[in-house]
Amino acid sequence: MSESALKSRPAPRKAPKQARSLATVEAIVEAAARILEERGHEAFSTNAVAERAGVSVGSLYQYFPRKDALIGALIFRETSRLVEDAENAAAQPTAGEALSALILPCVEQQLRRPALARLLDFEEARLPLDAATEQVKMRFFELTRATLQRPDLPPQADIDVASRDVVAIIKGMVDAAGEHGDQDKDLLAQRVKRAVLGYLGWDRQPA
């Protein structure tokens, strides 16, 4: 991604350092999340977010120059939480358990707050990712790649292509389930895992 593309999504004006500032920023970001999921993008404004968070508009502007910066911070927060949970994949003793540890956080994020997740999917496609979010998403790719290299999974001819495809399978199925209003996270996780194992050729392994 070009430098100009990265600059098209405004970043926060400054990073909070003290506990009080961190709490203020989290309150602002969560207020943005609640307005988006409850009232949609049409009701989303910096004034509405400031009021919901219980801060002045001036305080909000200290950290977020406009709405897109708020949305970017929200995407970063949700993506970071997903990847933090997916880090458990590296500690799992078997490839099947590692795949489950990769897939379940994606399912839980989508079904925990489905309206918010669907809206952020749209916003993520609309706005270029900032550098920090790109780095977090790359970490999920790296976790997927490491999992696919486990010796108890079928070897892949091109591990990078396979990793991209598996990430796409997970995202595509999870997003589609959110659009259709699925609510059973365990059943969805099982379906996604079957699709991934089928792609990897698990069903063609010798008995």
C-alpha atoms as a PDB file:
ATOM      1  CA  MET A   1       0.000   0.000   0.000  1.00  0.00           C
ATOM      2  CA  SER A   2       1.328   3.416  -0.897  1.00  0.00           C
ATOM      3  CA  GLU A   3       2.188   6.084   1.648  1.00  0.00           C
ATOM      4  CA  SER A   4      -0.561   8.310   0.240  1.00  0.00           C
ATOM      5  CA  ALA A   5      -3.137   5.573   0.738  1.00  0.00           C
ATOM      6  CA  LEU A   6      -2.122   5.132   4.332  1.00  0.00           C
ATOM      7  CA  LYS A   7      -2.521   8.867   4.895  1.00  0.00           C
ATOM      8  CA  SER A   8      -6.070   8.852   3.546  1.00  0.00           C
ATOM      9  CA  ARG A   9      -7.354   7.508   6.840  1.00  0.00           C
ATOM     10  CA  PRO A  10      -6.624  10.131   9.492  1.00  0.00           C
ATOM     11  CA  ALA A  11      -4.769   8.810  12.508  1.00  0.00           C
ATOM     12  CA  PRO A  12      -5.383   9.896  16.099  1.00  0.00           C
ATOM     13  CA  ARG A  13      -3.855  13.296  16.852  1.00  0.00           C
ATOM     14  CA  LYS A  14      -1.920  11.929  19.810  1.00  0.00           C
ATOM     15  CA  ALA A  15      -1.532   8.691  21.719  1.00  0.00           C
ATOM     16  CA  PRO A  16      -2.811   8.639  25.306  1.00  0.00           C
ATOM     17  CA  LYS A  17      -0.149   7.903  27.903  1.00  0.00           C
ATOM     18  CA  GLN A  18      -1.663   8.443  31.350  1.00  0.00           C
ATOM     19  CA  ALA A  19      -4.315   6.161  32.806  1.00  0.00           C
ATOM     20  CA  ARG A  20      -6.931   8.906  32.752  1.00  0.00           C
ATOM     21  CA  SER A  21      -6.237   9.656  29.088  1.00  0.00           C
ATOM     22  CA  LEU A  22      -6.384   5.964  28.221  1.00  0.00           C
ATOM     23  CA  ALA A  23      -9.745   5.678  29.948  1.00  0.00           C
ATOM     24  CA  THR A  24     -11.035   8.736  28.081  1.00  0.00           C
ATOM     25  CA  VAL A  25      -9.986   7.344  24.701  1.00  0.00           C
ATOM     26  CA  GLU A  26     -11.517   3.953  25.454  1.00  0.00           C
ATOM     27  CA  ALA A  27     -14.765   5.630  26.491  1.00  0.00           C
ATOM     28  CA  ILE A  28     -14.796   7.594  23.213  1.00  0.00           C
ATOM     29  CA  VAL A  29     -14.094   4.520  21.078  1.00  0.00           C
ATOM     30  CA  GLU A  30     -16.737   2.456  22.869  1.00  0.00           C
ATOM     31  CA  ALA A  31     -19.246   5.276  22.501  1.00  0.00           C
ATOM     32  CA  ALA A  32     -18.537   5.262  18.771  1.00  0.00           C
ATOM     33  CA  ALA A  33     -19.113   1.497  18.690  1.00  0.00           C
ATOM     34  CA  ARG A  34     -22.467   1.757  20.460  1.00  0.00           C
ATOM     35  CA  ILE A  35     -23.760   4.538  18.252  1.00  0.00           C
ATOM     36  CA  LEU A  36     -22.774   2.670  15.113  1.00  0.00           C
ATOM     37  CA  GLU A  37     -24.353  -0.624  16.157  1.00  0.00           C
ATOM     38  CA  GLU A  38     -27.504   0.902  17.660  1.00  0.00           C
ATOM     39  CA  ARG A  39     -28.239   3.760  15.277  1.00  0.00           C
ATOM     40  CA  GLY A  40     -26.093   3.216  12.191  1.00  0.00           C
ATOM     41  CA  HIS A  41     -23.760   5.437  10.257  1.00  0.00           C
ATOM     42  CA  GLU A  42     -26.340   8.168   9.653  1.00  0.00           C
ATOM     43  CA  ALA A  43     -26.466   8.963  13.378  1.00  0.00           C
ATOM     44  CA  PHE A  44     -22.692   8.787  13.748  1.00  0.00           C
ATOM     45  CA  SER A  45     -21.055  12.161  14.382  1.00  0.00           C
ATOM     46  CA  THR A  46     -18.317  13.516  16.601  1.00  0.00           C
ATOM     47  CA  ASN A  47     -20.903  15.467  18.596  1.00  0.00           C
ATOM     48  CA  ALA A  48     -22.990  12.329  19.182  1.00  0.00           C
ATOM     49  CA  VAL A  49     -19.926  10.329  20.197  1.00  0.00           C
ATOM     50  CA  ALA A  50     -18.713  13.012  22.603  1.00  0.00           C
ATOM     51  CA  GLU A  51     -22.133  13.222  24.228  1.00  0.00           C
ATOM     52  CA  ARG A  52     -22.386   9.440  24.568  1.00  0.00           C
ATOM     53  CA  ALA A  53     -18.876   9.223  26.018  1.00  0.00           C
ATOM     54  CA  GLY A  54     -19.525  12.055  28.481  1.00  0.00           C
ATOM     55  CA  VAL A  55     -16.689  14.248  27.205  1.00  0.00           C
ATOM     56  CA  SER A  56     -16.533  17.590  25.449  1.00  0.00           C
ATOM     57  CA  VAL A  57     -16.124  17.755  21.688  1.00  0.00           C
ATOM     58  CA  GLY A  58     -12.852  19.565  22.334  1.00  0.00           C
ATOM     59  CA  SER A  59     -11.593  16.604  24.361  1.00  0.00           C
ATOM     60  CA  LEU A  60     -12.574  14.243  21.563  1.00  0.00           C
ATOM     61  CA  TYR A  61     -10.716  16.354  18.993  1.00  0.00           C
ATOM     62  CA  GLN A  62      -7.572  16.140  21.092  1.00  0.00           C
ATOM     63  CA  TYR A  63      -7.358  12.505  19.983  1.00  0.00           C
ATOM     64  CA  PHE A  64      -9.499  12.140  16.854  1.00  0.00           C
ATOM     65  CA  PRO A  65      -9.503  14.816  14.127  1.00  0.00           C
ATOM     66  CA  ARG A  66     -12.662  13.491  12.474  1.00  0.00           C
ATOM     67  CA  LYS A  67     -15.017  10.531  12.181  1.00  0.00           C
ATOM     68  CA  ASP A  68     -12.794   8.332  10.040  1.00  0.00           C
ATOM     69  CA  ALA A  69     -10.088   8.433  12.703  1.00  0.00           C
ATOM     70  CA  LEU A  70     -12.615   7.158  15.220  1.00  0.00           C
ATOM     71  CA  ILE A  71     -13.652   4.340  12.906  1.00  0.00           C
ATOM     72  CA  GLY A  72     -10.009   3.490  12.316  1.00  0.00           C
ATOM     73  CA  ALA A  73      -9.392   3.288  16.065  1.00  0.00           C
ATOM     74  CA  LEU A  74     -12.410   1.035  16.453  1.00  0.00           C
ATOM     75  CA  ILE A  75     -11.252  -1.304  13.676  1.00  0.00           C
ATOM     76  CA  PHE A  76      -7.813  -1.415  15.267  1.00  0.00           C
ATOM     77  CA  ARG A  77      -9.283  -2.238  18.679  1.00  0.00           C
ATOM     78  CA  GLU A  78     -11.463  -5.062  17.397  1.00  0.00           C
ATOM     79  CA  THR A  79      -8.736  -6.524  15.171  1.00  0.00           C
ATOM     80  CA  SER A  80      -6.198  -6.392  17.995  1.00  0.00           C
ATOM     81  CA  ARG A  81      -8.530  -8.232  20.356  1.00  0.00           C
ATOM     82  CA  LEU A  82      -9.139 -10.935  17.763  1.00  0.00           C
ATOM     83  CA  VAL A  83      -5.441 -11.452  17.134  1.00  0.00           C
ATOM     84  CA  GLU A  84      -4.649 -11.447  20.847  1.00  0.00           C
ATOM     85  CA  ASP A  85      -7.088 -14.336  21.300  1.00  0.00           C
ATOM     86  CA  ALA A  86      -5.763 -16.107  18.200  1.00  0.00           C
ATOM     87  CA  GLU A  87      -2.249 -16.103  19.691  1.00  0.00           C
ATOM     88  CA  ASN A  88      -3.422 -19.158  21.656  1.00  0.00           C
ATOM     89  CA  ALA A  89      -3.071 -21.173  18.434  1.00  0.00           C
ATOM     90  CA  ALA A  90       0.698 -21.262  18.838  1.00  0.00           C
ATOM     91  CA  ALA A  91       0.393 -23.044  22.184  1.00  0.00           C
ATOM     92  CA  GLN A  92      -1.988 -25.799  21.081  1.00  0.00           C
ATOM     93  CA  PRO A  93      -0.570 -29.354  20.985  1.00  0.00           C
ATOM     94  CA  THR A  94      -2.287 -30.472  17.756  1.00  0.00           C
ATOM     95  CA  ALA A  95      -2.980 -28.866  14.405  1.00  0.00           C
ATOM     96  CA  GLY A  96      -6.721 -29.390  14.814  1.00  0.00           C
ATOM     97  CA  GLU A  97      -6.716 -27.552  18.117  1.00  0.00           C
ATOM     98  CA  ALA A  98      -4.553 -24.810  16.652  1.00  0.00           C
ATOM     99  CA  LEU A  99      -7.004 -24.311  13.779  1.00  0.00           C
ATOM    100  CA  SER A 100      -9.860 -24.111  16.262  1.00  0.00           C
ATOM    101  CA  ALA A 101      -7.930 -21.493  18.232  1.00  0.00           C
ATOM    102  CA  LEU A 102      -7.542 -19.432  15.044  1.00  0.00           C
ATOM    103  CA  ILE A 103     -11.142 -19.772  13.922  1.00  0.00           C
ATOM    104  CA  LEU A 104     -13.076 -19.342  17.166  1.00  0.00           C
ATOM    105  CA  PRO A 105     -11.966 -15.740  17.889  1.00  0.00           C
ATOM    106  CA  CYS A 106     -13.132 -14.744  14.387  1.00  0.00           C
ATOM    107  CA  VAL A 107     -16.493 -16.391  14.987  1.00  0.00           C
ATOM    108  CA  GLU A 108     -16.887 -14.882  18.442  1.00  0.00           C
ATOM    109  CA  GLN A 109     -16.039 -11.390  17.221  1.00  0.00           C
ATOM    110  CA  GLN A 110     -18.623 -11.610  14.450  1.00  0.00           C
ATOM    111  CA  LEU A 111     -21.429 -13.052  16.590  1.00  0.00           C
ATOM    112  CA  ARG A 112     -20.763 -11.166  19.838  1.00  0.00           C
ATOM    113  CA  ARG A 113     -21.770  -7.817  18.336  1.00  0.00           C
ATOM    114  CA  PRO A 114     -23.041  -8.732  14.859  1.00  0.00           C
ATOM    115  CA  ALA A 115     -24.362  -5.309  13.839  1.00  0.00           C
ATOM    116  CA  LEU A 116     -21.062  -3.662  14.737  1.00  0.00           C
ATOM    117  CA  ALA A 117     -19.018  -6.392  13.060  1.00  0.00           C
ATOM    118  CA  ARG A 118     -20.938  -6.085   9.786  1.00  0.00           C
ATOM    119  CA  LEU A 119     -20.624  -2.297   9.772  1.00  0.00           C
ATOM    120  CA  LEU A 120     -16.885  -2.459  10.453  1.00  0.00           C
ATOM    121  CA  ASP A 121     -16.491  -4.965   7.602  1.00  0.00           C
ATOM    122  CA  PHE A 122     -17.993  -2.322   5.313  1.00  0.00           C
ATOM    123  CA  GLU A 123     -15.840   0.451   6.740  1.00  0.00           C
ATOM    124  CA  GLU A 124     -12.697  -1.664   6.469  1.00  0.00           C
ATOM    125  CA  ALA A 125     -13.382  -2.135   2.760  1.00  0.00           C
ATOM    126  CA  ARG A 126     -14.158   1.575   2.312  1.00  0.00           C
ATOM    127  CA  LEU A 127     -11.116   2.980   4.060  1.00  0.00           C
ATOM    128  CA  PRO A 128      -7.475   1.978   3.590  1.00  0.00           C
ATOM    129  CA  LEU A 129      -6.041   0.375   6.696  1.00  0.00           C
ATOM    130  CA  ASP A 130      -3.575   2.397   8.716  1.00  0.00           C
ATOM    131  CA  ALA A 131      -0.103   1.023   9.335  1.00  0.00           C
ATOM    132  CA  ALA A 132      -0.882  -0.229  12.856  1.00  0.00           C
ATOM    133  CA  THR A 133      -3.936  -2.197  11.731  1.00  0.00           C
ATOM    134  CA  GLU A 134      -2.004  -3.616   8.766  1.00  0.00           C
ATOM    135  CA  GLN A 135       0.610  -4.869  11.213  1.00  0.00           C
ATOM    136  CA  VAL A 136      -2.009  -6.555  13.404  1.00  0.00           C
ATOM    137  CA  LYS A 137      -3.670  -8.210  10.410  1.00  0.00           C
ATOM    138  CA  MET A 138      -0.285  -9.434   9.227  1.00  0.00           C
ATOM    139  CA  ARG A 139       0.175 -11.073  12.603  1.00  0.00           C
ATOM    140  CA  PHE A 140      -2.998 -13.104  12.014  1.00  0.00           C
ATOM    141  CA  PHE A 141      -1.581 -14.184   8.653  1.00  0.00           C
ATOM    142  CA  GLU A 142       1.665 -15.215  10.368  1.00  0.00           C
ATOM    143  CA  LEU A 143      -0.246 -17.252  12.955  1.00  0.00           C
ATOM    144  CA  THR A 144      -2.162 -18.961  10.165  1.00  0.00           C
ATOM    145  CA  ARG A 145       1.037 -19.670   8.244  1.00  0.00           C
ATOM    146  CA  ALA A 146       2.714 -21.182  11.303  1.00  0.00           C
ATOM    147  CA  THR A 147      -0.309 -23.378  11.948  1.00  0.00           C
ATOM    148  CA  LEU A 148      -0.392 -24.696   8.383  1.00  0.00           C
ATOM    149  CA  GLN A 149       3.271 -25.706   8.673  1.00  0.00           C
ATOM    150  CA  ARG A 150       2.591 -28.115  11.506  1.00  0.00           C
ATOM    151  CA  PRO A 151       3.689 -31.668  10.687  1.00  0.00           C
ATOM    152  CA  ASP A 152       0.268 -33.159  11.482  1.00  0.00           C
ATOM    153  CA  LEU A 153      -1.368 -31.218   8.625  1.00  0.00           C
ATOM    154  CA  PRO A 154      -0.982 -32.100   4.922  1.00  0.00           C
ATOM    155  CA  PRO A 155       1.969 -30.202   3.384  1.00  0.00           C
ATOM    156  CA  GLN A 156       1.044 -27.359   1.040  1.00  0.00           C
ATOM    157  CA  ALA A 157       2.738 -26.663  -2.287  1.00  0.00           C
ATOM    158  CA  ASP A 158       2.853 -22.902  -1.588  1.00  0.00           C
ATOM    159  CA  ILE A 159       2.475 -22.071   2.077  1.00  0.00           C
ATOM    160  CA  ASP A 160       1.890 -18.344   1.469  1.00  0.00           C
ATOM    161  CA  VAL A 161      -0.894 -18.953  -1.038  1.00  0.00           C
ATOM    162  CA  ALA A 162      -2.444 -21.560   1.248  1.00  0.00           C
ATOM    163  CA  SER A 163      -2.291 -19.168   4.200  1.00  0.00           C
ATOM    164  CA  ARG A 164      -3.991 -16.382   2.230  1.00  0.00           C
ATOM    165  CA  ASP A 165      -6.669 -18.797   1.047  1.00  0.00           C
ATOM    166  CA  VAL A 166      -7.346 -20.082   4.568  1.00  0.00           C
ATOM    167  CA  VAL A 167      -7.649 -16.529   5.910  1.00  0.00           C
ATOM    168  CA  ALA A 168     -10.087 -15.787   3.070  1.00  0.00           C
ATOM    169  CA  ILE A 169     -12.131 -18.928   3.819  1.00  0.00           C
ATOM    170  CA  ILE A 170     -12.423 -18.004   7.489  1.00  0.00           C
ATOM    171  CA  LYS A 171     -13.333 -14.384   6.782  1.00  0.00           C
ATOM    172  CA  GLY A 172     -15.759 -15.219   3.984  1.00  0.00           C
ATOM    173  CA  MET A 173     -17.691 -17.839   5.913  1.00  0.00           C
ATOM    174  CA  VAL A 174     -17.774 -15.847   9.144  1.00  0.00           C
ATOM    175  CA  ASP A 175     -18.911 -12.660   7.395  1.00  0.00           C
ATOM    176  CA  ALA A 176     -21.622 -14.553   5.489  1.00  0.00           C
ATOM    177  CA  ALA A 177     -22.864 -16.127   8.709  1.00  0.00           C
ATOM    178  CA  GLY A 178     -23.097 -12.694  10.291  1.00  0.00           C
ATOM    179  CA  GLU A 179     -25.116 -11.375   7.355  1.00  0.00           C
ATOM    180  CA  HIS A 180     -27.542 -14.293   7.672  1.00  0.00           C
ATOM    181  CA  GLY A 181     -27.972 -13.842  11.422  1.00  0.00           C
ATOM    182  CA  ASP A 182     -26.322 -17.068  12.576  1.00  0.00           C
ATOM    183  CA  GLN A 183     -26.083 -17.283  16.359  1.00  0.00           C
ATOM    184  CA  ASP A 184     -24.573 -20.711  17.153  1.00  0.00           C
ATOM    185  CA  LYS A 185     -20.864 -19.955  17.400  1.00  0.00           C
ATOM    186  CA  ASP A 186     -19.809 -23.561  18.029  1.00  0.00           C
ATOM    187  CA  LEU A 187     -21.678 -24.850  14.972  1.00  0.00           C
ATOM    188  CA  LEU A 188     -20.254 -22.069  12.817  1.00  0.00           C
ATOM    189  CA  ALA A 189     -16.718 -22.746  14.062  1.00  0.00           C
ATOM    190  CA  GLN A 190     -17.140 -26.426  13.181  1.00  0.00           C
ATOM    191  CA  ARG A 191     -18.365 -25.569   9.672  1.00  0.00           C
ATOM    192  CA  VAL A 192     -15.457 -23.228   9.058  1.00  0.00           C
ATOM    193  CA  LYS A 193     -12.980 -25.797  10.349  1.00  0.00           C
ATOM    194  CA  ARG A 194     -14.400 -28.477   8.038  1.00  0.00           C
ATOM    195  CA  ALA A 195     -14.043 -26.109   5.084  1.00  0.00           C
ATOM    196  CA  VAL A 196     -10.435 -25.290   5.992  1.00  0.00           C
ATOM    197  CA  LEU A 197      -9.492 -28.939   6.498  1.00  0.00           C
ATOM    198  CA  GLY A 198     -11.113 -29.824   3.190  1.00  0.00           C
ATOM    199  CA  TYR A 199      -9.109 -27.120   1.433  1.00  0.00           C
ATOM    200  CA  LEU A 200      -5.905 -28.385   3.052  1.00  0.00           C
ATOM    201  CA  GLY A 201      -6.582 -31.914   1.809  1.00  0.00           C
ATOM    202  CA  TRP A 202      -7.155 -33.443   5.226  1.00  0.00           C
ATOM    203  CA  ASP A 203      -9.911 -35.657   3.801  1.00  0.00           C
ATOM    204  CA  ARG A 204      -7.423 -37.056   1.270  1.00  0.00           C
ATOM    205  CA  GLN A 205      -4.902 -38.129   3.867  1.00  0.00           C
ATOM    206  CA  PRO A 206      -4.172 -41.888   3.970  1.00  0.00           C
ATOM    207  CA  ALA A 207      -5.851 -43.753   6.815  1.00  0.00           C
END
